[in-house]
Amino acid sequence: MRLCGAVFDMDGTLLDSMSVWDTVGERYLRSVGYEPREDLNEALKTMSLRQAAHYLRAEYGVTLGVSEIEEGVNAVLERYYLFEAPLKPGAAELLARLREKGVRLCVATATDRRLAEAALKRCGVLSCFDGIFTCGEVGRGKDEPDIFEAALGFLGTKREETLVFDDALYALRTAKSAGFPVAAVYDSHERAWDEILRLADICLEDLTRTEKLWKLLEA
């Protein structure tokens, strides 16, 4: 497979950060005086921040404006991304090797741009990427292909030569349906790994062990 471009998800793929998303909705709602239901985390799982803000207004009656809700959620997340979120083992080495091979890289994430840039910079890998795309800026979550299409247009690479890395089944399915080859990265928060194994062109259980990736690219 010839590889000229790669689109990387951030949370759960490059960063070992999915745990914070398990509770951010609950923390935010309680901070503004609302008690979350048991289904909240699952409901927010595939949403961009803006979609989540609309959901909280519609489903919980939060009276703040959409922008104010976004600011409040970002305040909960800010400290984590600025000071704590770690890279997954092997991520920095993988990015450096791809760059050495001349592959253009970008990020496609549901996380706010400022937080994404801060976390990647602190972890020493921001300079690896030619661009960053967020679901909030694109206006769609990864249940739609818009963010992948935007990244592809920016990279200027052929679709079949642009590999999408993600840990989430729904995002991998979206990219695959849009004609991209997809690389699944294991994260314990994604429970559909068996289904991912059947869908993805390549599956990486650990970013410190990428032999399968290089063999695919050399084929």
C-alpha atoms as a PDB file:
ATOM      1  CA  MET A   1       0.000   0.000   0.000  1.00  0.00           C
ATOM      2  CA  ARG A   2       1.343   3.438  -0.924  1.00  0.00           C
ATOM      3  CA  LEU A   3       0.914   5.923   1.925  1.00  0.00           C
ATOM      4  CA  CYS A   4       1.154   9.677   1.350  1.00  0.00           C
ATOM      5  CA  GLY A   5      -1.101  11.031   4.084  1.00  0.00           C
ATOM      6  CA  ALA A   6      -2.443  10.042   7.487  1.00  0.00           C
ATOM      7  CA  VAL A   7      -5.315  11.426   9.548  1.00  0.00           C
ATOM      8  CA  PHE A   8      -5.014  10.767  13.285  1.00  0.00           C
ATOM      9  CA  ASP A   9      -7.708  10.862  15.896  1.00  0.00           C
ATOM     10  CA  MET A  10      -6.334  12.210  19.169  1.00  0.00           C
ATOM     11  CA  ASP A  11      -8.192  10.860  22.222  1.00  0.00           C
ATOM     12  CA  GLY A  12      -7.799   7.113  22.588  1.00  0.00           C
ATOM     13  CA  THR A  13      -5.523   6.958  19.549  1.00  0.00           C
ATOM     14  CA  LEU A  14      -2.560   9.247  20.248  1.00  0.00           C
ATOM     15  CA  LEU A  15      -3.446  10.226  23.815  1.00  0.00           C
ATOM     16  CA  ASP A  16      -4.401   7.880  26.632  1.00  0.00           C
ATOM     17  CA  SER A  17      -7.154  10.306  27.568  1.00  0.00           C
ATOM     18  CA  MET A  18     -10.524   8.627  27.100  1.00  0.00           C
ATOM     19  CA  SER A  19     -11.084   8.310  30.840  1.00  0.00           C
ATOM     20  CA  VAL A  20     -11.715  12.051  31.173  1.00  0.00           C
ATOM     21  CA  TRP A  21     -14.554  11.844  28.647  1.00  0.00           C
ATOM     22  CA  ASP A  22     -16.309   9.242  30.783  1.00  0.00           C
ATOM     23  CA  THR A  23     -17.165  11.841  33.385  1.00  0.00           C
ATOM     24  CA  VAL A  24     -16.897  15.307  31.843  1.00  0.00           C
ATOM     25  CA  GLY A  25     -20.610  15.531  31.020  1.00  0.00           C
ATOM     26  CA  GLU A  26     -21.561  14.488  34.534  1.00  0.00           C
ATOM     27  CA  ARG A  27     -19.096  16.882  36.106  1.00  0.00           C
ATOM     28  CA  TYR A  28     -20.296  19.775  34.006  1.00  0.00           C
ATOM     29  CA  LEU A  29     -23.996  19.170  34.664  1.00  0.00           C
ATOM     30  CA  ARG A  30     -23.461  18.918  38.404  1.00  0.00           C
ATOM     31  CA  SER A  31     -21.393  22.115  38.331  1.00  0.00           C
ATOM     32  CA  VAL A  32     -24.427  24.004  36.991  1.00  0.00           C
ATOM     33  CA  GLY A  33     -26.985  22.306  39.246  1.00  0.00           C
ATOM     34  CA  TYR A  34     -28.358  19.401  37.183  1.00  0.00           C
ATOM     35  CA  GLU A  35     -28.275  15.693  38.015  1.00  0.00           C
ATOM     36  CA  PRO A  36     -27.182  13.510  35.071  1.00  0.00           C
ATOM     37  CA  ARG A  37     -29.077  10.401  34.039  1.00  0.00           C
ATOM     38  CA  GLU A  38     -27.370   7.032  33.700  1.00  0.00           C
ATOM     39  CA  ASP A  39     -27.489   7.184  29.893  1.00  0.00           C
ATOM     40  CA  LEU A  40     -25.641  10.514  29.601  1.00  0.00           C
ATOM     41  CA  ASN A  41     -22.167   9.204  28.790  1.00  0.00           C
ATOM     42  CA  GLU A  42     -23.449   6.895  26.064  1.00  0.00           C
ATOM     43  CA  ALA A  43     -25.596   9.666  24.592  1.00  0.00           C
ATOM     44  CA  LEU A  44     -22.657  12.086  24.352  1.00  0.00           C
ATOM     45  CA  LYS A  45     -20.176   9.506  23.054  1.00  0.00           C
ATOM     46  CA  THR A  46     -20.444  10.306  19.339  1.00  0.00           C
ATOM     47  CA  MET A  47     -21.201  14.030  19.619  1.00  0.00           C
ATOM     48  CA  SER A  48     -19.042  17.042  18.930  1.00  0.00           C
ATOM     49  CA  LEU A  49     -18.882  19.626  21.715  1.00  0.00           C
ATOM     50  CA  ARG A  50     -21.468  21.811  19.978  1.00  0.00           C
ATOM     51  CA  GLN A  51     -23.805  18.872  19.448  1.00  0.00           C
ATOM     52  CA  ALA A  52     -23.413  17.988  23.129  1.00  0.00           C
ATOM     53  CA  ALA A  53     -24.258  21.552  24.166  1.00  0.00           C
ATOM     54  CA  HIS A  54     -27.468  21.457  22.124  1.00  0.00           C
ATOM     55  CA  TYR A  55     -28.278  18.061  23.652  1.00  0.00           C
ATOM     56  CA  LEU A  56     -27.855  19.350  27.220  1.00  0.00           C
ATOM     57  CA  ARG A  57     -30.148  22.270  26.473  1.00  0.00           C
ATOM     58  CA  ALA A  58     -32.790  20.061  24.879  1.00  0.00           C
ATOM     59  CA  GLU A  59     -32.655  17.069  27.225  1.00  0.00           C
ATOM     60  CA  TYR A  60     -31.815  18.682  30.569  1.00  0.00           C
ATOM     61  CA  GLY A  61     -33.219  22.166  30.158  1.00  0.00           C
ATOM     62  CA  VAL A  62     -29.867  23.872  30.729  1.00  0.00           C
ATOM     63  CA  THR A  63     -30.731  27.528  30.250  1.00  0.00           C
ATOM     64  CA  LEU A  64     -27.255  28.755  29.351  1.00  0.00           C
ATOM     65  CA  GLY A  65     -26.463  29.504  25.723  1.00  0.00           C
ATOM     66  CA  VAL A  66     -24.677  26.972  23.546  1.00  0.00           C
ATOM     67  CA  SER A  67     -21.435  28.959  23.637  1.00  0.00           C
ATOM     68  CA  GLU A  68     -21.614  29.273  27.426  1.00  0.00           C
ATOM     69  CA  ILE A  69     -22.094  25.521  27.789  1.00  0.00           C
ATOM     70  CA  GLU A  70     -19.127  24.897  25.506  1.00  0.00           C
ATOM     71  CA  GLU A  71     -17.018  27.228  27.646  1.00  0.00           C
ATOM     72  CA  GLY A  72     -18.107  25.451  30.814  1.00  0.00           C
ATOM     73  CA  VAL A  73     -17.293  21.988  29.478  1.00  0.00           C
ATOM     74  CA  ASN A  74     -13.943  23.241  28.218  1.00  0.00           C
ATOM     75  CA  ALA A  75     -13.156  24.618  31.668  1.00  0.00           C
ATOM     76  CA  VAL A  76     -13.639  21.123  33.117  1.00  0.00           C
ATOM     77  CA  LEU A  77     -11.393  19.643  30.428  1.00  0.00           C
ATOM     78  CA  GLU A  78      -8.819  22.397  30.356  1.00  0.00           C
ATOM     79  CA  ARG A  79      -6.702  21.398  33.325  1.00  0.00           C
ATOM     80  CA  TYR A  80      -6.574  17.787  32.201  1.00  0.00           C
ATOM     81  CA  TYR A  81      -5.340  18.563  28.701  1.00  0.00           C
ATOM     82  CA  LEU A  82      -3.018  21.353  29.752  1.00  0.00           C
ATOM     83  CA  PHE A  83      -1.276  19.428  32.503  1.00  0.00           C
ATOM     84  CA  GLU A  84      -2.087  15.719  32.532  1.00  0.00           C
ATOM     85  CA  ALA A  85      -3.177  13.939  29.319  1.00  0.00           C
ATOM     86  CA  PRO A  86      -0.368  11.513  28.343  1.00  0.00           C
ATOM     87  CA  LEU A  87       0.695  10.200  24.959  1.00  0.00           C
ATOM     88  CA  LYS A  88       0.157   6.515  24.407  1.00  0.00           C
ATOM     89  CA  PRO A  89       3.425   4.556  24.483  1.00  0.00           C
ATOM     90  CA  GLY A  90       4.923   4.413  21.007  1.00  0.00           C
ATOM     91  CA  ALA A  91       2.886   7.301  19.581  1.00  0.00           C
ATOM     92  CA  ALA A  92       5.780   9.760  19.301  1.00  0.00           C
ATOM     93  CA  GLU A  93       7.985   7.191  17.605  1.00  0.00           C
ATOM     94  CA  LEU A  94       5.260   6.251  15.130  1.00  0.00           C
ATOM     95  CA  LEU A  95       4.669   9.878  14.165  1.00  0.00           C
ATOM     96  CA  ALA A  96       8.391  10.540  13.775  1.00  0.00           C
ATOM     97  CA  ARG A  97       8.849   7.503  11.538  1.00  0.00           C
ATOM     98  CA  LEU A  98       5.921   8.465   9.318  1.00  0.00           C
ATOM     99  CA  ARG A  99       7.351  11.959   8.951  1.00  0.00           C
ATOM    100  CA  GLU A 100      10.735  10.507   8.052  1.00  0.00           C
ATOM    101  CA  LYS A 101       9.026   8.584   5.260  1.00  0.00           C
ATOM    102  CA  GLY A 102       7.542  11.813   3.895  1.00  0.00           C
ATOM    103  CA  VAL A 103       3.955  11.122   4.982  1.00  0.00           C
ATOM    104  CA  ARG A 104       1.868  14.260   5.577  1.00  0.00           C
ATOM    105  CA  LEU A 105      -0.002  14.122   8.878  1.00  0.00           C
ATOM    106  CA  CYS A 106      -3.008  15.875  10.371  1.00  0.00           C
ATOM    107  CA  VAL A 107      -5.286  15.481  13.373  1.00  0.00           C
ATOM    108  CA  ALA A 108      -9.067  15.032  13.264  1.00  0.00           C
ATOM    109  CA  THR A 109     -10.517  15.341  16.757  1.00  0.00           C
ATOM    110  CA  ALA A 110     -13.717  16.066  18.634  1.00  0.00           C
ATOM    111  CA  THR A 111     -11.699  17.994  21.215  1.00  0.00           C
ATOM    112  CA  ASP A 112     -11.568  21.794  21.167  1.00  0.00           C
ATOM    113  CA  ARG A 113      -8.641  23.088  19.084  1.00  0.00           C
ATOM    114  CA  ARG A 114      -7.016  25.033  21.908  1.00  0.00           C
ATOM    115  CA  LEU A 115      -6.962  22.004  24.187  1.00  0.00           C
ATOM    116  CA  ALA A 116      -5.790  19.678  21.429  1.00  0.00           C
ATOM    117  CA  GLU A 117      -2.921  21.983  20.493  1.00  0.00           C
ATOM    118  CA  ALA A 118      -1.929  22.460  24.134  1.00  0.00           C
ATOM    119  CA  ALA A 119      -1.845  18.726  24.859  1.00  0.00           C
ATOM    120  CA  LEU A 120       0.042  17.827  21.701  1.00  0.00           C
ATOM    121  CA  LYS A 121       2.539  20.642  22.262  1.00  0.00           C
ATOM    122  CA  ARG A 122       3.155  19.604  25.882  1.00  0.00           C
ATOM    123  CA  CYS A 123       3.712  16.029  24.706  1.00  0.00           C
ATOM    124  CA  GLY A 124       6.222  17.222  22.104  1.00  0.00           C
ATOM    125  CA  VAL A 125       4.410  16.095  18.941  1.00  0.00           C
ATOM    126  CA  LEU A 126       2.481  19.140  17.734  1.00  0.00           C
ATOM    127  CA  SER A 127       5.179  19.929  15.170  1.00  0.00           C
ATOM    128  CA  CYS A 128       4.624  16.522  13.522  1.00  0.00           C
ATOM    129  CA  PHE A 129       1.285  17.674  12.123  1.00  0.00           C
ATOM    130  CA  ASP A 130       0.603  19.831   9.102  1.00  0.00           C
ATOM    131  CA  GLY A 131      -2.897  20.687  10.319  1.00  0.00           C
ATOM    132  CA  ILE A 132      -5.573  20.094  12.943  1.00  0.00           C
ATOM    133  CA  PHE A 133      -9.286  19.685  12.247  1.00  0.00           C
ATOM    134  CA  THR A 134     -11.961  19.676  14.938  1.00  0.00           C
ATOM    135  CA  CYS A 135     -15.526  18.467  14.782  1.00  0.00           C
ATOM    136  CA  GLY A 136     -16.641  21.760  16.286  1.00  0.00           C
ATOM    137  CA  GLU A 137     -15.063  23.798  13.503  1.00  0.00           C
ATOM    138  CA  VAL A 138     -16.240  21.441  10.775  1.00  0.00           C
ATOM    139  CA  GLY A 139     -19.741  21.400  12.245  1.00  0.00           C
ATOM    140  CA  ARG A 140     -20.207  17.620  12.241  1.00  0.00           C
ATOM    141  CA  GLY A 141     -19.245  14.717  14.459  1.00  0.00           C
ATOM    142  CA  LYS A 142     -17.395  11.684  13.177  1.00  0.00           C
ATOM    143  CA  ASP A 143     -20.668   9.937  12.504  1.00  0.00           C
ATOM    144  CA  GLU A 144     -20.487  11.994   9.284  1.00  0.00           C
ATOM    145  CA  PRO A 145     -17.487  12.044   6.907  1.00  0.00           C
ATOM    146  CA  ASP A 146     -17.076  15.832   6.774  1.00  0.00           C
ATOM    147  CA  ILE A 147     -14.011  16.036   9.004  1.00  0.00           C
ATOM    148  CA  PHE A 148     -12.203  13.329   7.051  1.00  0.00           C
ATOM    149  CA  GLU A 149     -13.067  15.019   3.769  1.00  0.00           C
ATOM    150  CA  ALA A 150     -11.772  18.342   5.086  1.00  0.00           C
ATOM    151  CA  ALA A 151      -8.517  16.721   6.179  1.00  0.00           C
ATOM    152  CA  LEU A 152      -8.127  15.009   2.810  1.00  0.00           C
ATOM    153  CA  GLY A 153      -8.612  18.277   0.935  1.00  0.00           C
ATOM    154  CA  PHE A 154      -6.022  19.953   3.128  1.00  0.00           C
ATOM    155  CA  LEU A 155      -3.441  17.194   2.736  1.00  0.00           C
ATOM    156  CA  GLY A 156      -3.932  17.071  -1.021  1.00  0.00           C
ATOM    157  CA  THR A 157      -3.322  13.327  -1.083  1.00  0.00           C
ATOM    158  CA  LYS A 158      -5.287  10.605  -2.835  1.00  0.00           C
ATOM    159  CA  ARG A 159      -8.077   9.044  -0.787  1.00  0.00           C
ATOM    160  CA  GLU A 160      -6.735   5.517  -1.236  1.00  0.00           C
ATOM    161  CA  GLU A 161      -3.289   6.693  -0.089  1.00  0.00           C
ATOM    162  CA  THR A 162      -4.563   8.453   3.057  1.00  0.00           C
ATOM    163  CA  LEU A 163      -4.828   6.256   6.148  1.00  0.00           C
ATOM    164  CA  VAL A 164      -7.249   7.162   8.953  1.00  0.00           C
ATOM    165  CA  PHE A 165      -6.146   6.144  12.468  1.00  0.00           C
ATOM    166  CA  ASP A 166      -8.879   5.947  15.109  1.00  0.00           C
ATOM    167  CA  ASP A 167      -9.885   3.892  18.120  1.00  0.00           C
ATOM    168  CA  ALA A 168     -13.680   4.238  17.839  1.00  0.00           C
ATOM    169  CA  LEU A 169     -15.814   1.874  15.803  1.00  0.00           C
ATOM    170  CA  TYR A 170     -18.272   4.538  14.648  1.00  0.00           C
ATOM    171  CA  ALA A 171     -15.481   6.809  13.371  1.00  0.00           C
ATOM    172  CA  LEU A 172     -13.659   3.957  11.633  1.00  0.00           C
ATOM    173  CA  ARG A 173     -16.912   2.877  10.025  1.00  0.00           C
ATOM    174  CA  THR A 174     -17.568   6.417   8.774  1.00  0.00           C
ATOM    175  CA  ALA A 175     -14.094   6.746   7.270  1.00  0.00           C
ATOM    176  CA  LYS A 176     -14.220   3.281   5.733  1.00  0.00           C
ATOM    177  CA  SER A 177     -17.627   3.976   4.190  1.00  0.00           C
ATOM    178  CA  ALA A 178     -16.188   7.172   2.693  1.00  0.00           C
ATOM    179  CA  GLY A 179     -13.507   5.161   0.911  1.00  0.00           C
ATOM    180  CA  PHE A 180     -10.524   5.653   3.219  1.00  0.00           C
ATOM    181  CA  PRO A 181      -8.267   2.805   4.330  1.00  0.00           C
ATOM    182  CA  VAL A 182      -8.475   2.648   8.132  1.00  0.00           C
ATOM    183  CA  ALA A 183      -6.085   1.679  10.921  1.00  0.00           C
ATOM    184  CA  ALA A 184      -7.667   0.793  14.250  1.00  0.00           C
ATOM    185  CA  VAL A 185      -5.780   1.575  17.449  1.00  0.00           C
ATOM    186  CA  TYR A 186      -6.863  -0.405  20.492  1.00  0.00           C
ATOM    187  CA  ASP A 187      -8.225   1.457  23.484  1.00  0.00           C
ATOM    188  CA  SER A 188      -9.863  -0.241  26.444  1.00  0.00           C
ATOM    189  CA  HIS A 189     -12.766   2.226  26.367  1.00  0.00           C
ATOM    190  CA  GLU A 190     -13.938   0.912  22.996  1.00  0.00           C
ATOM    191  CA  ARG A 191     -15.849  -2.293  23.649  1.00  0.00           C
ATOM    192  CA  ALA A 192     -16.443  -3.307  20.027  1.00  0.00           C
ATOM    193  CA  TRP A 193     -12.891  -4.465  19.279  1.00  0.00           C
ATOM    194  CA  ASP A 194     -14.089  -7.745  17.726  1.00  0.00           C
ATOM    195  CA  GLU A 195     -16.199  -5.815  15.243  1.00  0.00           C
ATOM    196  CA  ILE A 196     -13.311  -3.421  14.597  1.00  0.00           C
ATOM    197  CA  LEU A 197     -11.077  -6.388  13.777  1.00  0.00           C
ATOM    198  CA  ARG A 198     -13.465  -7.338  10.977  1.00  0.00           C
ATOM    199  CA  LEU A 199     -13.755  -3.777   9.653  1.00  0.00           C
ATOM    200  CA  ALA A 200     -10.272  -2.258   9.732  1.00  0.00           C
ATOM    201  CA  ASP A 201      -7.545  -2.696   7.141  1.00  0.00           C
ATOM    202  CA  ILE A 202      -5.037  -2.971   9.958  1.00  0.00           C
ATOM    203  CA  CYS A 203      -5.423  -3.248  13.735  1.00  0.00           C
ATOM    204  CA  LEU A 204      -2.776  -2.076  16.176  1.00  0.00           C
ATOM    205  CA  GLU A 205      -3.191  -3.413  19.681  1.00  0.00           C
ATOM    206  CA  ASP A 206      -0.170  -1.439  20.874  1.00  0.00           C
ATOM    207  CA  LEU A 207       1.615   1.508  19.249  1.00  0.00           C
ATOM    208  CA  THR A 208       4.956   0.154  20.407  1.00  0.00           C
ATOM    209  CA  ARG A 209       4.393  -2.817  18.099  1.00  0.00           C
ATOM    210  CA  THR A 210       3.716  -1.524  14.599  1.00  0.00           C
ATOM    211  CA  GLU A 211       5.340  -4.263  12.515  1.00  0.00           C
ATOM    212  CA  LYS A 212       2.007  -5.054  10.849  1.00  0.00           C
ATOM    213  CA  LEU A 213       1.688  -1.453   9.707  1.00  0.00           C
ATOM    214  CA  TRP A 214       5.092  -1.333   8.061  1.00  0.00           C
ATOM    215  CA  LYS A 215       4.511  -4.691   6.367  1.00  0.00           C
ATOM    216  CA  LEU A 216       1.229  -3.371   4.929  1.00  0.00           C
ATOM    217  CA  LEU A 217       2.915  -0.240   3.641  1.00  0.00           C
ATOM    218  CA  GLU A 218       5.721  -2.236   2.053  1.00  0.00           C
ATOM    219  CA  ALA A 219       3.322  -4.622   0.286  1.00  0.00           C
END
